[in-house]
All heavy atoms as atom14 arrays in JSON, in Angstrom:
{
  "sequence": "MMVHVAHQTEAAIRHYGAELGLQKAMEQLSEQFGKEKVLAVIGDGIKR",
  "atom14_mask": [
    [1, 1, 1, 1, 1, 1, 1, 1, 0, 0, 0, 0, 0, 0],
    [1, 1, 1, 1, 1, 1, 1, 1, 0, 0, 0, 0, 0, 0],
    [1, 1, 1, 1, 1, 1, 1, 0, 0, 0, 0, 0, 0, 0],
    [1, 1, 1, 1, 1, 1, 1, 1, 1, 1, 0, 0, 0, 0],
    [1, 1, 1, 1, 1, 1, 1, 0, 0, 0, 0, 0, 0, 0],
    [1, 1, 1, 1, 1, 0, 0, 0, 0, 0, 0, 0, 0, 0],
    [1, 1, 1, 1, 1, 1, 1, 1, 1, 1, 0, 0, 0, 0],
    [1, 1, 1, 1, 1, 1, 1, 1, 1, 0, 0, 0, 0, 0],
    [1, 1, 1, 1, 1, 1, 1, 0, 0, 0, 0, 0, 0, 0],
    [1, 1, 1, 1, 1, 1, 1, 1, 1, 0, 0, 0, 0, 0],
    [1, 1, 1, 1, 1, 0, 0, 0, 0, 0, 0, 0, 0, 0],
    [1, 1, 1, 1, 1, 0, 0, 0, 0, 0, 0, 0, 0, 0],
    [1, 1, 1, 1, 1, 1, 1, 1, 0, 0, 0, 0, 0, 0],
    [1, 1, 1, 1, 1, 1, 1, 1, 1, 1, 1, 0, 0, 0],
    [1, 1, 1, 1, 1, 1, 1, 1, 1, 1, 0, 0, 0, 0],
    [1, 1, 1, 1, 1, 1, 1, 1, 1, 1, 1, 1, 0, 0],
    [1, 1, 1, 1, 0, 0, 0, 0, 0, 0, 0, 0, 0, 0],
    [1, 1, 1, 1, 1, 0, 0, 0, 0, 0, 0, 0, 0, 0],
    [1, 1, 1, 1, 1, 1, 1, 1, 1, 0, 0, 0, 0, 0],
    [1, 1, 1, 1, 1, 1, 1, 1, 0, 0, 0, 0, 0, 0],
    [1, 1, 1, 1, 0, 0, 0, 0, 0, 0, 0, 0, 0, 0],
    [1, 1, 1, 1, 1, 1, 1, 1, 0, 0, 0, 0, 0, 0],
    [1, 1, 1, 1, 1, 1, 1, 1, 1, 0, 0, 0, 0, 0],
    [1, 1, 1, 1, 1, 1, 1, 1, 1, 0, 0, 0, 0, 0],
    [1, 1, 1, 1, 1, 0, 0, 0, 0, 0, 0, 0, 0, 0],
    [1, 1, 1, 1, 1, 1, 1, 1, 0, 0, 0, 0, 0, 0],
    [1, 1, 1, 1, 1, 1, 1, 1, 1, 0, 0, 0, 0, 0],
    [1, 1, 1, 1, 1, 1, 1, 1, 1, 0, 0, 0, 0, 0],
    [1, 1, 1, 1, 1, 1, 1, 1, 0, 0, 0, 0, 0, 0],
    [1, 1, 1, 1, 1, 1, 0, 0, 0, 0, 0, 0, 0, 0],
    [1, 1, 1, 1, 1, 1, 1, 1, 1, 0, 0, 0, 0, 0],
    [1, 1, 1, 1, 1, 1, 1, 1, 1, 0, 0, 0, 0, 0],
    [1, 1, 1, 1, 1, 1, 1, 1, 1, 1, 1, 0, 0, 0],
    [1, 1, 1, 1, 0, 0, 0, 0, 0, 0, 0, 0, 0, 0],
    [1, 1, 1, 1, 1, 1, 1, 1, 1, 0, 0, 0, 0, 0],
    [1, 1, 1, 1, 1, 1, 1, 1, 1, 0, 0, 0, 0, 0],
    [1, 1, 1, 1, 1, 1, 1, 1, 1, 0, 0, 0, 0, 0],
    [1, 1, 1, 1, 1, 1, 1, 0, 0, 0, 0, 0, 0, 0],
    [1, 1, 1, 1, 1, 1, 1, 1, 0, 0, 0, 0, 0, 0],
    [1, 1, 1, 1, 1, 0, 0, 0, 0, 0, 0, 0, 0, 0],
    [1, 1, 1, 1, 1, 1, 1, 0, 0, 0, 0, 0, 0, 0],
    [1, 1, 1, 1, 1, 1, 1, 1, 0, 0, 0, 0, 0, 0],
    [1, 1, 1, 1, 0, 0, 0, 0, 0, 0, 0, 0, 0, 0],
    [1, 1, 1, 1, 1, 1, 1, 1, 0, 0, 0, 0, 0, 0],
    [1, 1, 1, 1, 0, 0, 0, 0, 0, 0, 0, 0, 0, 0],
    [1, 1, 1, 1, 1, 1, 1, 1, 0, 0, 0, 0, 0, 0],
    [1, 1, 1, 1, 1, 1, 1, 1, 1, 0, 0, 0, 0, 0],
    [1, 1, 1, 1, 1, 1, 1, 1, 1, 1, 1, 0, 0, 0]
  ],
  "atom14_positions": [
    [[128.52, -166.18, 100.96], [127.65, -167.31, 100.65], [128.47, -168.51, 100.19], [128.23, -169.65, 100.59], [126.65, -166.92, 99.56], [125.65, -168.02, 99.2], [124.75, -167.66, 97.66], [124.07, -166.04, 98.05], [0.0, 0.0, 0.0], [0.0, 0.0, 0.0], [0.0, 0.0, 0.0], [0.0, 0.0, 0.0], [0.0, 0.0, 0.0], [0.0, 0.0, 0.0]],
    [[129.46, -168.25, 99.33], [130.34, -169.32, 98.86], [131.06, -169.99, 100.02], [131.15, -171.22, 100.11], [131.36, -168.77, 97.88], [132.31, -169.82, 97.33], [133.78, -169.12, 96.55], [134.72, -168.6, 98.0], [0.0, 0.0, 0.0], [0.0, 0.0, 0.0], [0.0, 0.0, 0.0], [0.0, 0.0, 0.0], [0.0, 0.0, 0.0], [0.0, 0.0, 0.0]],
    [[131.61, -169.18, 100.93], [132.32, -169.72, 102.09], [131.39, -170.62, 102.92], [131.78, -171.73, 103.32], [132.88, -168.57, 102.96], [133.43, -169.11, 104.28], [133.96, -167.8, 102.21], [0.0, 0.0, 0.0], [0.0, 0.0, 0.0], [0.0, 0.0, 0.0], [0.0, 0.0, 0.0], [0.0, 0.0, 0.0], [0.0, 0.0, 0.0], [0.0, 0.0, 0.0]],
    [[130.18, -170.16, 103.14], [129.21, -170.93, 103.94], [128.92, -172.28, 103.28], [128.96, -173.33, 103.94], [127.93, -170.12, 104.1], [126.83, -170.86, 104.81], [126.89, -171.17, 106.16], [125.64, -171.36, 104.36], [125.79, -171.83, 106.51], [125.02, -171.95, 105.43], [0.0, 0.0, 0.0], [0.0, 0.0, 0.0], [0.0, 0.0, 0.0], [0.0, 0.0, 0.0]],
    [[128.64, -172.26, 101.99], [128.3, -173.49, 101.28], [129.5, -174.44, 101.22], [129.36, -175.66, 101.37], [127.79, -173.17, 99.86], [127.65, -174.44, 99.03], [126.46, -172.43, 99.92], [0.0, 0.0, 0.0], [0.0, 0.0, 0.0], [0.0, 0.0, 0.0], [0.0, 0.0, 0.0], [0.0, 0.0, 0.0], [0.0, 0.0, 0.0], [0.0, 0.0, 0.0]],
    [[130.69, -173.89, 101.03], [131.89, -174.73, 100.99], [132.11, -175.44, 102.32], [132.42, -176.64, 102.35], [133.11, -173.87, 100.64], [0.0, 0.0, 0.0], [0.0, 0.0, 0.0], [0.0, 0.0, 0.0], [0.0, 0.0, 0.0], [0.0, 0.0, 0.0], [0.0, 0.0, 0.0], [0.0, 0.0, 0.0], [0.0, 0.0, 0.0], [0.0, 0.0, 0.0]],
    [[131.92, -174.74, 103.43], [132.09, -175.36, 104.74], [130.98, -176.37, 105.03], [131.22, -177.4, 105.68], [132.16, -174.3, 105.82], [133.47, -173.57, 105.87], [134.69, -174.22, 105.91], [133.75, -172.23, 105.87], [135.66, -173.32, 105.94], [135.12, -172.11, 105.9], [0.0, 0.0, 0.0], [0.0, 0.0, 0.0], [0.0, 0.0, 0.0], [0.0, 0.0, 0.0]],
    [[129.77, -176.09, 104.55], [128.68, -177.07, 104.68], [129.03, -178.36, 103.96], [128.83, -179.46, 104.48], [127.38, -176.5, 104.11], [126.57, -175.63, 105.05], [125.2, -175.32, 104.47], [125.05, -175.12, 103.27], [124.19, -175.28, 105.33], [0.0, 0.0, 0.0], [0.0, 0.0, 0.0], [0.0, 0.0, 0.0], [0.0, 0.0, 0.0], [0.0, 0.0, 0.0]],
    [[129.54, -178.22, 102.76], [129.92, -179.39, 101.96], [131.07, -180.14, 102.63], [131.07, -181.38, 102.69], [130.33, -178.96, 100.54], [129.31, -178.14, 99.97], [130.56, -180.18, 99.66], [0.0, 0.0, 0.0], [0.0, 0.0, 0.0], [0.0, 0.0, 0.0], [0.0, 0.0, 0.0], [0.0, 0.0, 0.0], [0.0, 0.0, 0.0], [0.0, 0.0, 0.0]],
    [[132.01, -179.4, 103.15], [133.15, -180.02, 103.86], [132.65, -180.83, 105.05], [133.1, -181.97, 105.29], [134.11, -178.92, 104.32], [135.33, -179.43, 105.06], [136.19, -178.3, 105.58], [135.66, -177.22, 105.91], [137.42, -178.51, 105.7], [0.0, 0.0, 0.0], [0.0, 0.0, 0.0], [0.0, 0.0, 0.0], [0.0, 0.0, 0.0], [0.0, 0.0, 0.0]],
    [[131.69, -180.28, 105.8], [131.13, -181.0, 106.96], [130.4, -182.26, 106.53], [130.49, -183.31, 107.19], [130.2, -180.08, 107.73], [0.0, 0.0, 0.0], [0.0, 0.0, 0.0], [0.0, 0.0, 0.0], [0.0, 0.0, 0.0], [0.0, 0.0, 0.0], [0.0, 0.0, 0.0], [0.0, 0.0, 0.0], [0.0, 0.0, 0.0], [0.0, 0.0, 0.0]],
    [[129.69, -182.18, 105.4], [128.97, -183.36, 104.9], [129.93, -184.46, 104.47], [129.7, -185.65, 104.74], [128.08, -182.96, 103.73], [0.0, 0.0, 0.0], [0.0, 0.0, 0.0], [0.0, 0.0, 0.0], [0.0, 0.0, 0.0], [0.0, 0.0, 0.0], [0.0, 0.0, 0.0], [0.0, 0.0, 0.0], [0.0, 0.0, 0.0], [0.0, 0.0, 0.0]],
    [[131.02, -184.09, 103.83], [132.03, -185.07, 103.41], [132.65, -185.73, 104.64], [132.87, -186.95, 104.68], [133.14, -184.4, 102.56], [132.55, -183.87, 101.24], [134.28, -185.37, 102.28], [132.01, -184.9, 100.31], [0.0, 0.0, 0.0], [0.0, 0.0, 0.0], [0.0, 0.0, 0.0], [0.0, 0.0, 0.0], [0.0, 0.0, 0.0], [0.0, 0.0, 0.0]],
    [[132.91, -184.93, 105.66], [133.49, -185.47, 106.89], [132.5, -186.44, 107.57], [132.9, -187.46, 108.12], [133.84, -184.31, 107.83], [134.76, -184.7, 108.99], [135.07, -183.52, 109.89], [135.71, -182.43, 109.16], [135.23, -181.2, 109.07], [134.07, -180.9, 109.64], [135.87, -180.28, 108.4], [0.0, 0.0, 0.0], [0.0, 0.0, 0.0], [0.0, 0.0, 0.0]],
    [[131.23, -186.11, 107.49], [130.2, -186.94, 108.15], [129.91, -188.23, 107.37], [129.87, -189.32, 107.95], [128.92, -186.13, 108.3], [127.79, -186.89, 108.92], [127.73, -187.17, 110.28], [126.67, -187.45, 108.37], [126.64, -187.87, 110.54], [125.98, -188.05, 109.4], [0.0, 0.0, 0.0], [0.0, 0.0, 0.0], [0.0, 0.0, 0.0], [0.0, 0.0, 0.0]],
    [[129.73, -188.1, 106.07], [129.28, -189.24, 105.26], [130.43, -190.03, 104.64], [130.24, -191.17, 104.19], [128.37, -188.76, 104.13], [127.03, -188.24, 104.58], [126.73, -186.88, 104.5], [126.07, -189.1, 105.09], [125.5, -186.39, 104.9], [124.82, -188.61, 105.5], [124.54, -187.26, 105.41], [123.33, -186.78, 105.81], [0.0, 0.0, 0.0], [0.0, 0.0, 0.0]],
    [[131.62, -189.42, 104.56], [132.71, -190.05, 103.81], [132.72, -189.53, 102.38], [131.74, -188.93, 101.91], [0.0, 0.0, 0.0], [0.0, 0.0, 0.0], [0.0, 0.0, 0.0], [0.0, 0.0, 0.0], [0.0, 0.0, 0.0], [0.0, 0.0, 0.0], [0.0, 0.0, 0.0], [0.0, 0.0, 0.0], [0.0, 0.0, 0.0], [0.0, 0.0, 0.0]],
    [[133.83, -189.79, 101.68], [134.04, -189.18, 100.36], [132.98, -189.59, 99.35], [132.37, -188.74, 98.68], [135.43, -189.53, 99.85], [0.0, 0.0, 0.0], [0.0, 0.0, 0.0], [0.0, 0.0, 0.0], [0.0, 0.0, 0.0], [0.0, 0.0, 0.0], [0.0, 0.0, 0.0], [0.0, 0.0, 0.0], [0.0, 0.0, 0.0], [0.0, 0.0, 0.0]],
    [[132.73, -190.88, 99.21], [131.84, -191.36, 98.15], [130.38, -190.95, 98.4], [129.72, -190.39, 97.52], [131.95, -192.88, 98.02], [131.24, -193.44, 96.8], [131.52, -194.92, 96.6], [132.54, -195.42, 97.11], [130.7, -195.58, 95.93], [0.0, 0.0, 0.0], [0.0, 0.0, 0.0], [0.0, 0.0, 0.0], [0.0, 0.0, 0.0], [0.0, 0.0, 0.0]],
    [[129.89, -191.23, 99.59], [128.5, -190.89, 99.91], [128.33, -189.37, 100.01], [127.29, -188.84, 99.62], [128.07, -191.58, 101.22], [126.6, -191.4, 101.63], [125.67, -191.87, 100.52], [126.33, -192.15, 102.93], [0.0, 0.0, 0.0], [0.0, 0.0, 0.0], [0.0, 0.0, 0.0], [0.0, 0.0, 0.0], [0.0, 0.0, 0.0], [0.0, 0.0, 0.0]],
    [[129.34, -188.68, 100.52], [129.28, -187.23, 100.61], [129.15, -186.58, 99.25], [128.39, -185.62, 99.07], [0.0, 0.0, 0.0], [0.0, 0.0, 0.0], [0.0, 0.0, 0.0], [0.0, 0.0, 0.0], [0.0, 0.0, 0.0], [0.0, 0.0, 0.0], [0.0, 0.0, 0.0], [0.0, 0.0, 0.0], [0.0, 0.0, 0.0], [0.0, 0.0, 0.0]],
    [[129.92, -187.08, 98.26], [129.81, -186.58, 96.89], [128.41, -186.81, 96.34], [127.8, -185.92, 95.73], [130.86, -187.25, 95.99], [130.77, -186.94, 94.49], [130.88, -185.45, 94.21], [131.84, -187.71, 93.73], [0.0, 0.0, 0.0], [0.0, 0.0, 0.0], [0.0, 0.0, 0.0], [0.0, 0.0, 0.0], [0.0, 0.0, 0.0], [0.0, 0.0, 0.0]],
    [[127.89, -188.01, 96.59], [126.54, -188.33, 96.12], [125.5, -187.39, 96.72], [124.62, -186.88, 96.03], [126.21, -189.79, 96.47], [124.86, -190.26, 95.96], [124.58, -191.7, 96.37], [125.48, -192.53, 96.45], [123.31, -191.99, 96.64], [0.0, 0.0, 0.0], [0.0, 0.0, 0.0], [0.0, 0.0, 0.0], [0.0, 0.0, 0.0], [0.0, 0.0, 0.0]],
    [[125.62, -187.14, 98.04], [124.67, -186.25, 98.71], [124.76, -184.83, 98.15], [123.74, -184.15, 97.93], [124.95, -186.23, 100.21], [124.68, -187.55, 100.93], [123.2, -187.7, 101.25], [122.97, -188.9, 102.16], [121.53, -189.12, 102.4], [0.0, 0.0, 0.0], [0.0, 0.0, 0.0], [0.0, 0.0, 0.0], [0.0, 0.0, 0.0], [0.0, 0.0, 0.0]],
    [[125.99, -184.36, 97.92], [126.18, -183.01, 97.39], [125.58, -182.9, 95.99], [124.94, -181.89, 95.65], [127.67, -182.66, 97.36], [0.0, 0.0, 0.0], [0.0, 0.0, 0.0], [0.0, 0.0, 0.0], [0.0, 0.0, 0.0], [0.0, 0.0, 0.0], [0.0, 0.0, 0.0], [0.0, 0.0, 0.0], [0.0, 0.0, 0.0], [0.0, 0.0, 0.0]],
    [[125.8, -183.92, 95.17], [125.26, -183.9, 93.82], [123.73, -183.88, 93.83], [123.1, -183.16, 93.05], [125.78, -185.12, 93.04], [127.26, -185.04, 92.71], [127.89, -186.55, 91.92], [126.97, -186.53, 90.38], [0.0, 0.0, 0.0], [0.0, 0.0, 0.0], [0.0, 0.0, 0.0], [0.0, 0.0, 0.0], [0.0, 0.0, 0.0], [0.0, 0.0, 0.0]],
    [[123.14, -184.67, 94.73], [121.68, -184.71, 94.83], [121.12, -183.34, 95.23], [120.15, -182.85, 94.66], [121.25, -185.78, 95.83], [121.47, -187.2, 95.35], [121.21, -188.23, 96.44], [120.91, -187.82, 97.6], [121.32, -189.44, 96.17], [0.0, 0.0, 0.0], [0.0, 0.0, 0.0], [0.0, 0.0, 0.0], [0.0, 0.0, 0.0], [0.0, 0.0, 0.0]],
    [[121.77, -182.74, 96.22], [121.29, -181.44, 96.72], [121.43, -180.35, 95.66], [120.51, -179.55, 95.44], [122.06, -181.07, 97.99], [121.48, -179.86, 98.72], [122.14, -179.66, 100.07], [123.21, -180.21, 100.35], [121.51, -178.87, 100.92], [0.0, 0.0, 0.0], [0.0, 0.0, 0.0], [0.0, 0.0, 0.0], [0.0, 0.0, 0.0], [0.0, 0.0, 0.0]],
    [[122.58, -180.33, 94.99], [122.81, -179.3, 93.98], [121.97, -179.53, 92.73], [121.62, -178.57, 92.03], [124.3, -179.24, 93.63], [125.2, -178.69, 94.74], [126.66, -179.0, 94.48], [125.01, -177.18, 94.9], [0.0, 0.0, 0.0], [0.0, 0.0, 0.0], [0.0, 0.0, 0.0], [0.0, 0.0, 0.0], [0.0, 0.0, 0.0], [0.0, 0.0, 0.0]],
    [[121.62, -180.78, 92.46], [120.77, -181.08, 91.31], [119.39, -180.46, 91.47], [118.75, -180.09, 90.47], [120.64, -182.6, 91.12], [121.89, -183.17, 90.73], [0.0, 0.0, 0.0], [0.0, 0.0, 0.0], [0.0, 0.0, 0.0], [0.0, 0.0, 0.0], [0.0, 0.0, 0.0], [0.0, 0.0, 0.0], [0.0, 0.0, 0.0], [0.0, 0.0, 0.0]],
    [[118.93, -180.35, 92.7], [117.63, -179.73, 92.93], [117.63, -178.26, 92.52], [116.61, -177.72, 92.07], [117.25, -179.85, 94.41], [116.99, -181.27, 94.88], [116.7, -181.34, 96.37], [116.58, -180.27, 97.0], [116.62, -182.47, 96.9], [0.0, 0.0, 0.0], [0.0, 0.0, 0.0], [0.0, 0.0, 0.0], [0.0, 0.0, 0.0], [0.0, 0.0, 0.0]],
    [[118.8, -177.61, 92.67], [118.9, -176.19, 92.34], [119.33, -175.94, 90.9], [118.82, -175.04, 90.24], [119.88, -175.51, 93.3], [120.02, -174.01, 93.09], [120.93, -173.37, 94.14], [121.35, -174.02, 95.1], [121.24, -172.11, 93.95], [0.0, 0.0, 0.0], [0.0, 0.0, 0.0], [0.0, 0.0, 0.0], [0.0, 0.0, 0.0], [0.0, 0.0, 0.0]],
    [[120.27, -176.77, 90.42], [120.88, -176.49, 89.12], [120.5, -177.5, 88.04], [120.79, -177.27, 86.87], [122.42, -176.48, 89.26], [122.93, -175.37, 90.14], [123.23, -175.62, 91.48], [123.11, -174.09, 89.65], [123.7, -174.61, 92.3], [123.58, -173.08, 90.46], [123.89, -173.33, 91.79], [0.0, 0.0, 0.0], [0.0, 0.0, 0.0], [0.0, 0.0, 0.0]],
    [[119.86, -178.62, 88.43], [119.52, -179.66, 87.48], [120.6, -180.73, 87.43], [121.8, -180.43, 87.48], [0.0, 0.0, 0.0], [0.0, 0.0, 0.0], [0.0, 0.0, 0.0], [0.0, 0.0, 0.0], [0.0, 0.0, 0.0], [0.0, 0.0, 0.0], [0.0, 0.0, 0.0], [0.0, 0.0, 0.0], [0.0, 0.0, 0.0], [0.0, 0.0, 0.0]],
    [[120.16, -181.99, 87.34], [121.1, -183.11, 87.38], [122.07, -183.09, 86.21], [123.27, -183.37, 86.37], [120.32, -184.43, 87.39], [121.18, -185.67, 87.52], [120.34, -186.93, 87.61], [121.23, -188.16, 87.75], [120.41, -189.41, 87.82], [0.0, 0.0, 0.0], [0.0, 0.0, 0.0], [0.0, 0.0, 0.0], [0.0, 0.0, 0.0], [0.0, 0.0, 0.0]],
    [[121.56, -182.74, 85.03], [122.41, -182.75, 83.84], [123.58, -181.78, 83.98], [124.72, -182.1, 83.64], [121.57, -182.39, 82.62], [122.32, -182.53, 81.31], [121.44, -182.26, 80.1], [120.2, -182.37, 80.23], [121.99, -181.92, 79.03], [0.0, 0.0, 0.0], [0.0, 0.0, 0.0], [0.0, 0.0, 0.0], [0.0, 0.0, 0.0], [0.0, 0.0, 0.0]],
    [[123.3, -180.58, 84.51], [124.37, -179.6, 84.68], [125.37, -180.04, 85.73], [126.58, -179.9, 85.55], [123.78, -178.24, 85.05], [124.84, -177.14, 85.12], [124.23, -175.75, 85.14], [125.3, -174.68, 85.04], [124.74, -173.32, 84.94], [0.0, 0.0, 0.0], [0.0, 0.0, 0.0], [0.0, 0.0, 0.0], [0.0, 0.0, 0.0], [0.0, 0.0, 0.0]],
    [[124.88, -180.59, 86.83], [125.77, -181.06, 87.9], [126.7, -182.15, 87.37], [127.92, -182.14, 87.63], [124.97, -181.56, 89.1], [125.85, -182.34, 90.07], [124.31, -180.38, 89.81], [0.0, 0.0, 0.0], [0.0, 0.0, 0.0], [0.0, 0.0, 0.0], [0.0, 0.0, 0.0], [0.0, 0.0, 0.0], [0.0, 0.0, 0.0], [0.0, 0.0, 0.0]],
    [[126.17, -183.1, 86.61], [126.99, -184.18, 86.04], [128.03, -183.61, 85.07], [129.17, -184.08, 85.03], [126.12, -185.2, 85.32], [125.27, -186.1, 86.23], [124.31, -186.94, 85.39], [126.16, -187.01, 87.07], [0.0, 0.0, 0.0], [0.0, 0.0, 0.0], [0.0, 0.0, 0.0], [0.0, 0.0, 0.0], [0.0, 0.0, 0.0], [0.0, 0.0, 0.0]],
    [[127.64, -182.58, 84.31], [128.58, -181.96, 83.39], [129.72, -181.29, 84.14], [130.89, -181.39, 83.75], [127.86, -180.94, 82.5], [0.0, 0.0, 0.0], [0.0, 0.0, 0.0], [0.0, 0.0, 0.0], [0.0, 0.0, 0.0], [0.0, 0.0, 0.0], [0.0, 0.0, 0.0], [0.0, 0.0, 0.0], [0.0, 0.0, 0.0], [0.0, 0.0, 0.0]],
    [[129.4, -180.61, 85.24], [130.43, -179.93, 86.03], [131.39, -180.95, 86.66], [132.59, -180.72, 86.72], [129.79, -179.05, 87.12], [130.85, -178.41, 88.01], [128.93, -177.96, 86.49], [0.0, 0.0, 0.0], [0.0, 0.0, 0.0], [0.0, 0.0, 0.0], [0.0, 0.0, 0.0], [0.0, 0.0, 0.0], [0.0, 0.0, 0.0], [0.0, 0.0, 0.0]],
    [[130.86, -182.08, 87.1], [131.7, -183.14, 87.67], [132.65, -183.7, 86.6], [133.84, -183.88, 86.84], [130.83, -184.27, 88.25], [130.07, -183.78, 89.48], [131.69, -185.49, 88.6], [130.9, -183.56, 90.7], [0.0, 0.0, 0.0], [0.0, 0.0, 0.0], [0.0, 0.0, 0.0], [0.0, 0.0, 0.0], [0.0, 0.0, 0.0], [0.0, 0.0, 0.0]],
    [[132.13, -183.99, 85.41], [132.96, -184.44, 84.3], [133.5, -185.85, 84.46], [133.05, -186.62, 85.31], [0.0, 0.0, 0.0], [0.0, 0.0, 0.0], [0.0, 0.0, 0.0], [0.0, 0.0, 0.0], [0.0, 0.0, 0.0], [0.0, 0.0, 0.0], [0.0, 0.0, 0.0], [0.0, 0.0, 0.0], [0.0, 0.0, 0.0], [0.0, 0.0, 0.0]],
    [[134.5, -186.16, 83.63], [135.05, -187.52, 83.62], [136.41, -187.63, 84.29], [136.97, -188.72, 84.42], [135.14, -188.06, 82.18], [136.04, -187.21, 81.28], [136.79, -186.35, 81.79], [136.0, -187.42, 80.05], [0.0, 0.0, 0.0], [0.0, 0.0, 0.0], [0.0, 0.0, 0.0], [0.0, 0.0, 0.0], [0.0, 0.0, 0.0], [0.0, 0.0, 0.0]],
    [[136.99, -186.5, 84.7], [138.25, -186.53, 85.44], [139.5, -186.6, 84.59], [140.61, -186.66, 85.12], [0.0, 0.0, 0.0], [0.0, 0.0, 0.0], [0.0, 0.0, 0.0], [0.0, 0.0, 0.0], [0.0, 0.0, 0.0], [0.0, 0.0, 0.0], [0.0, 0.0, 0.0], [0.0, 0.0, 0.0], [0.0, 0.0, 0.0], [0.0, 0.0, 0.0]],
    [[139.36, -186.62, 83.26], [140.54, -186.66, 82.39], [141.04, -185.22, 82.18], [140.29, -184.36, 81.72], [140.2, -187.3, 81.04], [139.75, -188.75, 81.24], [141.41, -187.26, 80.1], [139.19, -189.39, 79.99], [0.0, 0.0, 0.0], [0.0, 0.0, 0.0], [0.0, 0.0, 0.0], [0.0, 0.0, 0.0], [0.0, 0.0, 0.0], [0.0, 0.0, 0.0]],
    [[142.29, -184.97, 82.52], [142.86, -183.63, 82.39], [143.08, -183.3, 80.92], [143.84, -184.0, 80.23], [144.17, -183.52, 83.19], [144.95, -182.23, 82.98], [144.18, -181.0, 83.4], [145.03, -179.74, 83.22], [144.25, -178.51, 83.23], [0.0, 0.0, 0.0], [0.0, 0.0, 0.0], [0.0, 0.0, 0.0], [0.0, 0.0, 0.0], [0.0, 0.0, 0.0]],
    [[142.41, -182.29, 80.45], [142.54, -181.83, 79.07], [142.22, -180.33, 79.04], [141.67, -179.8, 79.99], [141.58, -182.59, 78.15], [140.13, -182.39, 78.51], [139.19, -182.99, 77.47], [139.11, -184.43, 77.55], [138.28, -185.1, 78.37], [137.51, -184.44, 79.23], [138.25, -186.41, 78.37], [0.0, 0.0, 0.0], [0.0, 0.0, 0.0], [0.0, 0.0, 0.0]]
  ]
}
């Protein structure tokens, strides 16, 4: 299941581009996991 979803996401990034692809993935995953959790998983990008 993980492999399938990863390749789906990869195809979406290739189709939409990096910025829009990330947005689409976040929207889709928010429906399943909630927007707050998805934003937390994404984080701020500071390595700590």
